[in-house]
Amino acid sequence: MTEAREGLAADCAGLPEGLGAFVDALVHEYVASGGDMAELGDGRATTLDAALGILEHCITALSERANREGELPPMSKEEVDMLCYCVITCRTLREAIERAARFCAMLGGRGAQLSLAVSGGRARFHMATRRLRDSPSALLTDLFGLAFYRRLFAWLIGSNLPIQGYAVYANQVMEREVLEGFFLQPLTFGAPDNSFDFPAPLLDRPVVRDAADLREVLAVLPFDQLFEPGGQWRFRDAVASIIQTQLVRNGRLPSLDQIARFFNTSPATFHRRLVQEGTTYVGIKREQREQRARALLRHSDAKLGDIAAQLGFSDVRAFRRAFVDWTGETPQGWRTRHAGPG
């Protein structure tokens, strides 16, 4: 098992920061809980597409295990989607949270017990479950639940939902660094239940989304750690975020087919959605490559050959031609004029 984990960790080196180590730990827990490695294909998370497929399979299996441990019936994806459709017509965030709580209460134990408490200018969202304290499966399931609700609430009001971390019922049965690196929040283990808090005035923010927006974003929320869906969310921003993280991590850029599958759509629909926002996948890759090239030239002493390789160019000459096309200057000339502290 150790050798298998070491091999997977090496394969994860080109993934967005935090995702590779998390997928590695996830596969370890999946196998330790009786999961079949054969169901993960070759188990190699060498691309973003492969890593997300492994993540989805493992989380689904571990969530089912957590429900069995607590003798809880599972909440289906259709019920999760229906919850989202129920809250999309609410007027404010407070009303959306209260309606979500009523919806989950009707599921007869399949959903968590949701509640809201307000005190001293802070609102605390509670997600009480009946899972085991010392189960990695329960810990992961509840963390994904908290992350889902936080991102859903932020998206509904079109604004960031600043929190001070996630409190989880489970004890620390996995490495803190790996979990916090993926969920991007400080964690408190062994809490009375699962919760997070945020500024209470946000409860009165209006819901600014509609059903058409929801149909688009449902494909994104399950893997919401890769970008922030709050604010004036645009499809092109999500795509750009994925390209940017891949370039920063020396990752191979996904093909049109691969990134369309990530968004649960066809290449034609994916292309049409970007065109509606005034861009294309080729255009986004060009923009992100140019931004990354400028950052490397300005803030590092990396050789042009290394920069060309990181950006996916076949050689320095191809990179130089592209950079001149972007800026009207050669990479070396631009670096000399814009050199800054590293």
Protein backbone atom coordinates (compact mmCIF):
# COMPACT_ATOMS: atom_id res chain seq x y z
CA MET A 1 0.00 0.00 0.00
CA THR A 2 2.86 2.39 0.79
CA GLU A 3 4.35 1.89 -2.67
CA ALA A 4 0.97 2.53 -4.29
CA ARG A 5 0.56 5.75 -2.34
CA GLU A 6 4.03 6.97 -3.21
CA GLY A 7 3.33 6.36 -6.89
CA LEU A 8 0.06 8.23 -6.74
CA ALA A 9 1.64 11.17 -4.94
CA ALA A 10 4.21 11.46 -7.71
CA ASP A 11 1.46 11.42 -10.32
CA CYS A 12 -0.32 14.28 -8.51
CA ALA A 13 2.62 16.68 -8.86
CA GLY A 14 1.07 18.63 -11.75
CA LEU A 15 -2.33 19.24 -10.14
CA PRO A 16 -3.60 22.47 -8.57
CA GLU A 17 -2.09 23.14 -5.17
CA GLY A 18 -3.85 21.20 -2.42
CA LEU A 19 -5.70 18.85 -4.79
CA GLY A 20 -2.88 16.36 -5.38
CA ALA A 21 -2.16 15.68 -1.69
CA PHE A 22 -5.88 15.50 -0.96
CA VAL A 23 -6.55 12.97 -3.73
CA ASP A 24 -3.62 10.92 -2.44
CA ALA A 25 -5.08 10.87 1.10
CA LEU A 26 -8.55 10.21 -0.28
CA VAL A 27 -7.45 7.11 -2.18
CA HIS A 28 -5.70 5.85 0.96
CA GLU A 29 -8.93 6.14 2.98
CA TYR A 30 -10.94 4.63 0.13
CA VAL A 31 -8.75 1.52 0.00
CA ALA A 32 -8.52 1.29 3.80
CA SER A 33 -12.33 1.24 3.97
CA GLY A 34 -12.53 -1.66 1.53
CA GLY A 35 -12.70 0.21 -1.76
CA ASP A 36 -11.55 -1.55 -4.92
CA MET A 37 -8.61 0.13 -6.65
CA ALA A 38 -9.72 -1.51 -9.90
CA GLU A 39 -12.76 0.80 -9.91
CA LEU A 40 -10.41 3.79 -10.12
CA GLY A 41 -8.96 2.63 -13.43
CA ASP A 42 -5.19 2.71 -13.09
CA GLY A 43 -5.53 5.07 -10.10
CA ARG A 44 -3.19 7.60 -11.70
CA ALA A 45 -4.17 11.24 -11.07
CA THR A 46 -1.95 12.60 -13.84
CA THR A 47 -4.41 15.21 -15.13
CA LEU A 48 -7.09 17.42 -13.64
CA ASP A 49 -9.75 15.37 -15.40
CA ALA A 50 -8.42 12.10 -13.92
CA ALA A 51 -8.02 13.59 -10.44
CA LEU A 52 -11.59 14.89 -10.39
CA GLY A 53 -12.89 11.51 -11.53
CA ILE A 54 -11.02 9.78 -8.69
CA LEU A 55 -12.20 12.41 -6.21
CA GLU A 56 -15.86 12.02 -7.20
CA HIS A 57 -15.75 8.22 -7.05
CA CYS A 58 -13.96 8.10 -3.69
CA ILE A 59 -16.12 10.74 -2.01
CA THR A 60 -19.30 9.02 -3.18
CA ALA A 61 -18.08 5.68 -1.82
CA LEU A 62 -16.87 7.16 1.48
CA SER A 63 -20.14 9.08 1.94
CA GLU A 64 -22.08 5.86 1.48
CA ARG A 65 -19.82 4.20 4.05
CA ALA A 66 -20.34 7.08 6.51
CA ASN A 67 -24.10 6.66 6.16
CA ARG A 68 -23.85 2.92 6.79
CA GLU A 69 -21.71 3.51 9.87
CA GLY A 70 -24.34 5.83 11.31
CA GLU A 71 -27.22 3.68 10.02
CA LEU A 72 -28.40 6.65 7.97
CA PRO A 73 -30.19 6.43 4.61
CA PRO A 74 -28.32 8.30 1.84
CA MET A 75 -29.43 11.64 0.40
CA SER A 76 -29.61 11.23 -3.37
CA LYS A 77 -28.20 13.67 -5.91
CA GLU A 78 -31.75 14.33 -7.10
CA GLU A 79 -32.66 15.43 -3.57
CA VAL A 80 -29.62 17.72 -3.40
CA ASP A 81 -30.62 19.28 -6.73
CA MET A 82 -34.20 19.69 -5.51
CA LEU A 83 -32.97 21.44 -2.36
CA CYS A 84 -31.16 23.94 -4.59
CA TYR A 85 -34.25 24.52 -6.70
CA CYS A 86 -36.31 25.07 -3.54
CA VAL A 87 -34.05 27.84 -2.24
CA ILE A 88 -33.48 29.61 -5.57
CA THR A 89 -36.85 31.41 -5.29
CA CYS A 90 -36.16 32.79 -1.79
CA ARG A 91 -35.90 36.56 -1.30
CA THR A 92 -32.97 36.68 1.15
CA LEU A 93 -30.15 34.48 2.42
CA ARG A 94 -31.94 34.08 5.76
CA GLU A 95 -35.03 32.77 4.01
CA ALA A 96 -32.91 30.42 1.89
CA ILE A 97 -31.24 28.89 4.96
CA GLU A 98 -34.57 28.48 6.74
CA ARG A 99 -36.13 26.84 3.67
CA ALA A 100 -33.14 24.50 3.29
CA ALA A 101 -33.62 23.47 6.93
CA ARG A 102 -37.30 22.71 6.35
CA PHE A 103 -36.50 20.74 3.20
CA CYS A 104 -33.92 18.56 4.98
CA ALA A 105 -36.33 18.00 7.89
CA MET A 106 -38.78 16.38 5.45
CA LEU A 107 -36.23 13.79 4.30
CA GLY A 108 -36.67 11.54 7.32
CA GLY A 109 -33.02 11.40 8.36
CA ARG A 110 -31.49 11.43 4.86
CA GLY A 111 -30.46 15.09 5.25
CA ALA A 112 -28.62 16.81 8.06
CA GLN A 113 -30.45 18.82 10.70
CA LEU A 114 -29.85 22.42 9.65
CA SER A 115 -30.29 25.44 11.91
CA LEU A 116 -29.24 29.07 12.23
CA ALA A 117 -28.22 31.01 15.36
CA VAL A 118 -27.47 34.74 15.52
CA SER A 119 -25.50 36.39 18.33
CA GLY A 120 -23.24 39.42 18.67
CA GLY A 121 -23.33 40.35 15.01
CA ARG A 122 -22.38 36.84 13.86
CA ALA A 123 -24.60 34.20 12.28
CA ARG A 124 -23.70 30.53 12.78
CA PHE A 125 -24.96 27.90 10.37
CA HIS A 126 -25.26 24.46 12.00
CA MET A 127 -25.30 21.16 10.10
CA ALA A 128 -25.88 18.44 12.69
CA THR A 129 -25.40 14.84 11.56
CA ARG A 130 -25.40 11.54 13.42
CA ARG A 131 -22.09 10.29 12.11
CA LEU A 132 -19.23 8.70 14.04
CA ARG A 133 -16.56 10.88 15.65
CA ASP A 134 -13.58 8.69 14.75
CA SER A 135 -14.43 7.87 11.13
CA PRO A 136 -12.44 9.42 8.26
CA SER A 137 -15.44 8.75 6.01
CA ALA A 138 -17.69 10.77 8.34
CA LEU A 139 -15.15 13.59 8.61
CA LEU A 140 -14.82 13.93 4.84
CA THR A 141 -18.56 13.70 4.23
CA ASP A 142 -19.33 16.44 6.74
CA LEU A 143 -16.54 18.71 5.48
CA PHE A 144 -17.85 18.43 1.94
CA GLY A 145 -21.33 19.18 3.27
CA LEU A 146 -20.18 22.37 5.00
CA ALA A 147 -18.20 23.45 1.93
CA PHE A 148 -21.22 22.82 -0.29
CA TYR A 149 -23.55 24.97 1.83
CA ARG A 150 -21.04 27.78 2.23
CA ARG A 151 -20.42 28.01 -1.51
CA LEU A 152 -24.13 27.68 -2.31
CA PHE A 153 -25.03 30.53 0.06
CA ALA A 154 -22.26 32.76 -1.34
CA TRP A 155 -23.41 32.08 -4.88
CA LEU A 156 -27.07 32.78 -4.06
CA ILE A 157 -26.31 36.32 -2.86
CA GLY A 158 -23.56 36.99 -5.40
CA SER A 159 -21.05 37.83 -2.70
CA ASN A 160 -18.25 36.22 -0.75
CA LEU A 161 -19.30 34.60 2.54
CA PRO A 162 -16.31 35.28 4.82
CA ILE A 163 -16.05 32.64 7.51
CA GLN A 164 -13.55 31.91 10.29
CA GLY A 165 -13.15 28.25 9.44
CA TYR A 166 -15.13 25.02 9.68
CA ALA A 167 -15.99 23.37 12.99
CA VAL A 168 -16.55 19.62 12.59
CA TYR A 169 -18.05 17.02 14.90
CA ALA A 170 -15.45 14.40 13.96
CA ASN A 171 -12.12 14.09 15.72
CA GLN A 172 -8.85 14.69 13.86
CA VAL A 173 -8.50 11.33 12.14
CA MET A 174 -6.73 12.70 9.04
CA GLU A 175 -3.79 15.05 8.55
CA ARG A 176 -4.79 18.64 9.29
CA GLU A 177 -2.38 20.08 6.70
CA VAL A 178 -3.86 18.00 3.88
CA LEU A 179 -7.45 18.89 4.77
CA GLU A 180 -6.81 22.59 5.29
CA GLY A 181 -4.77 22.71 2.08
CA PHE A 182 -7.75 21.46 0.11
CA PHE A 183 -10.68 23.15 1.89
CA LEU A 184 -8.70 26.39 2.35
CA GLN A 185 -10.10 26.99 5.83
CA PRO A 186 -8.80 26.45 9.39
CA LEU A 187 -10.50 23.44 10.99
CA THR A 188 -11.72 22.83 14.54
CA PHE A 189 -12.16 19.12 15.32
CA GLY A 190 -14.35 17.49 17.97
CA ALA A 191 -16.94 20.30 17.98
CA PRO A 192 -20.52 19.80 19.29
CA ASP A 193 -21.69 19.67 15.66
CA ASN A 194 -20.66 20.84 12.18
CA SER A 195 -20.87 24.59 11.65
CA PHE A 196 -19.39 27.82 10.33
CA ASP A 197 -20.14 31.45 11.12
CA PHE A 198 -20.24 34.65 9.08
CA PRO A 199 -21.31 38.31 9.51
CA ALA A 200 -25.00 38.42 10.45
CA PRO A 201 -25.85 41.40 8.17
CA LEU A 202 -25.34 39.09 5.18
CA LEU A 203 -28.54 37.27 6.17
CA ASP A 204 -30.55 40.16 4.77
CA ARG A 205 -28.75 40.17 1.41
CA PRO A 206 -31.15 39.45 -1.47
CA VAL A 207 -30.90 36.28 -3.54
CA VAL A 208 -29.74 37.44 -6.97
CA ARG A 209 -29.81 34.14 -8.88
CA ASP A 210 -32.57 32.40 -10.80
CA ALA A 211 -33.34 28.89 -12.02
CA ALA A 212 -31.45 29.38 -15.29
CA ASP A 213 -28.31 30.34 -13.36
CA LEU A 214 -28.76 27.32 -11.11
CA ARG A 215 -28.88 24.83 -13.97
CA GLU A 216 -25.47 26.08 -15.08
CA VAL A 217 -23.77 26.16 -11.68
CA LEU A 218 -24.97 22.75 -10.44
CA ALA A 219 -22.22 21.20 -12.55
CA VAL A 220 -19.62 23.33 -10.75
CA LEU A 221 -20.55 23.18 -7.06
CA PRO A 222 -19.44 19.57 -6.39
CA PHE A 223 -15.81 20.61 -7.08
CA ASP A 224 -16.12 24.13 -5.70
CA GLN A 225 -12.68 24.18 -4.07
CA LEU A 226 -11.06 25.04 -7.40
CA PHE A 227 -12.54 28.52 -7.58
CA GLU A 228 -14.87 30.93 -5.82
CA PRO A 229 -18.45 31.02 -7.20
CA GLY A 230 -19.46 34.13 -5.26
CA GLY A 231 -19.57 37.63 -6.74
CA GLN A 232 -20.64 38.24 -10.31
CA TRP A 233 -19.87 34.69 -11.34
CA ARG A 234 -19.16 34.08 -15.00
CA PHE A 235 -18.56 30.79 -16.76
CA ARG A 236 -15.38 32.15 -18.32
CA ASP A 237 -13.97 32.95 -14.84
CA ALA A 238 -14.31 29.33 -13.76
CA VAL A 239 -12.55 28.14 -16.91
CA ALA A 240 -9.78 30.74 -16.50
CA SER A 241 -9.24 29.70 -12.88
CA ILE A 242 -8.66 26.08 -13.88
CA ILE A 243 -6.20 27.07 -16.63
CA GLN A 244 -4.37 29.41 -14.27
CA THR A 245 -3.91 26.79 -11.55
CA GLN A 246 -2.68 24.27 -14.09
CA LEU A 247 -0.08 26.72 -15.41
CA VAL A 248 1.11 27.63 -11.92
CA ARG A 249 1.50 23.96 -11.05
CA ASN A 250 3.24 23.08 -14.33
CA GLY A 251 0.16 21.07 -15.24
CA ARG A 252 -0.82 19.90 -18.68
CA LEU A 253 -3.65 22.05 -20.02
CA PRO A 254 -6.88 20.10 -20.54
CA SER A 255 -8.18 19.67 -24.05
CA LEU A 256 -11.54 21.11 -25.07
CA ASP A 257 -13.17 17.69 -24.64
CA GLN A 258 -11.64 17.21 -21.18
CA ILE A 259 -12.64 20.58 -19.78
CA ALA A 260 -16.14 20.28 -21.28
CA ARG A 261 -16.56 16.94 -19.46
CA PHE A 262 -15.48 18.61 -16.22
CA PHE A 263 -18.41 21.03 -16.60
CA ASN A 264 -20.74 18.14 -17.46
CA THR A 265 -21.48 19.48 -20.93
CA SER A 266 -20.66 18.79 -24.57
CA PRO A 267 -17.77 20.57 -26.32
CA ALA A 268 -20.27 22.38 -28.56
CA THR A 269 -22.32 23.65 -25.61
CA PHE A 270 -19.15 24.58 -23.73
CA HIS A 271 -17.90 26.58 -26.72
CA ARG A 272 -21.29 28.26 -27.23
CA ARG A 273 -21.44 29.30 -23.55
CA LEU A 274 -18.04 30.99 -23.81
CA VAL A 275 -18.97 32.72 -27.06
CA GLN A 276 -22.05 34.16 -25.31
CA GLU A 277 -19.64 35.77 -22.83
CA GLY A 278 -17.45 37.15 -25.61
CA THR A 279 -14.57 34.69 -25.56
CA THR A 280 -13.40 31.21 -26.57
CA TYR A 281 -11.40 28.44 -24.91
CA VAL A 282 -8.44 29.29 -27.16
CA GLY A 283 -8.75 32.92 -26.11
CA ILE A 284 -8.82 32.07 -22.41
CA LYS A 285 -5.74 29.85 -22.73
CA ARG A 286 -3.96 32.66 -24.56
CA GLU A 287 -4.84 35.21 -21.84
CA GLN A 288 -3.74 32.92 -19.02
CA ARG A 289 -0.51 31.97 -20.79
CA GLU A 290 0.32 35.63 -21.33
CA GLN A 291 -0.40 36.51 -17.69
CA ARG A 292 1.74 33.62 -16.45
CA ALA A 293 4.56 34.49 -18.85
CA ARG A 294 4.61 38.10 -17.64
CA ALA A 295 4.67 36.97 -13.99
CA LEU A 296 7.56 34.56 -14.56
CA LEU A 297 9.59 37.07 -16.56
CA ARG A 298 9.05 39.83 -14.01
CA HIS A 299 9.39 37.93 -10.74
CA SER A 300 11.72 35.01 -11.47
CA ASP A 301 15.05 34.30 -13.12
CA ALA A 302 13.71 31.23 -14.92
CA LYS A 303 15.32 30.53 -18.28
CA LEU A 304 13.22 31.15 -21.38
CA GLY A 305 13.33 27.44 -22.20
CA ASP A 306 11.88 26.56 -18.80
CA ILE A 307 9.16 29.19 -19.15
CA ALA A 308 8.30 27.92 -22.63
CA ALA A 309 8.02 24.36 -21.32
CA GLN A 310 5.86 25.39 -18.36
CA LEU A 311 3.47 27.23 -20.66
CA GLY A 312 3.18 24.26 -23.01
CA PHE A 313 5.17 25.59 -25.98
CA SER A 314 7.19 23.17 -28.08
CA ASP A 315 10.37 25.27 -27.84
CA VAL A 316 11.75 28.73 -27.09
CA ARG A 317 11.19 29.94 -30.65
CA ALA A 318 7.46 29.17 -30.47
CA PHE A 319 7.22 30.94 -27.11
CA ARG A 320 9.13 33.96 -28.43
CA ARG A 321 6.83 34.27 -31.46
CA ALA A 322 3.74 34.08 -29.25
CA PHE A 323 5.09 36.63 -26.77
CA VAL A 324 5.93 39.10 -29.53
CA ASP A 325 2.38 38.63 -30.85
CA TRP A 326 0.98 39.36 -27.35
CA THR A 327 3.11 42.35 -26.43
CA GLY A 328 5.06 43.55 -29.44
CA GLU A 329 8.29 42.81 -27.57
CA THR A 330 10.63 39.85 -27.20
CA PRO A 331 10.51 38.04 -23.83
CA GLN A 332 14.06 39.14 -22.98
CA GLY A 333 13.37 42.74 -23.94
CA TRP A 334 10.17 42.81 -21.89
CA ARG A 335 11.98 41.25 -18.90
CA THR A 336 14.74 43.86 -19.04
CA ARG A 337 12.24 46.74 -19.03
CA HIS A 338 9.92 45.30 -16.37
CA ALA A 339 12.28 43.43 -14.07
CA GLY A 340 11.13 43.65 -10.44
CA PRO A 341 12.01 42.11 -7.09
CA GLY A 342 11.53 38.35 -6.89
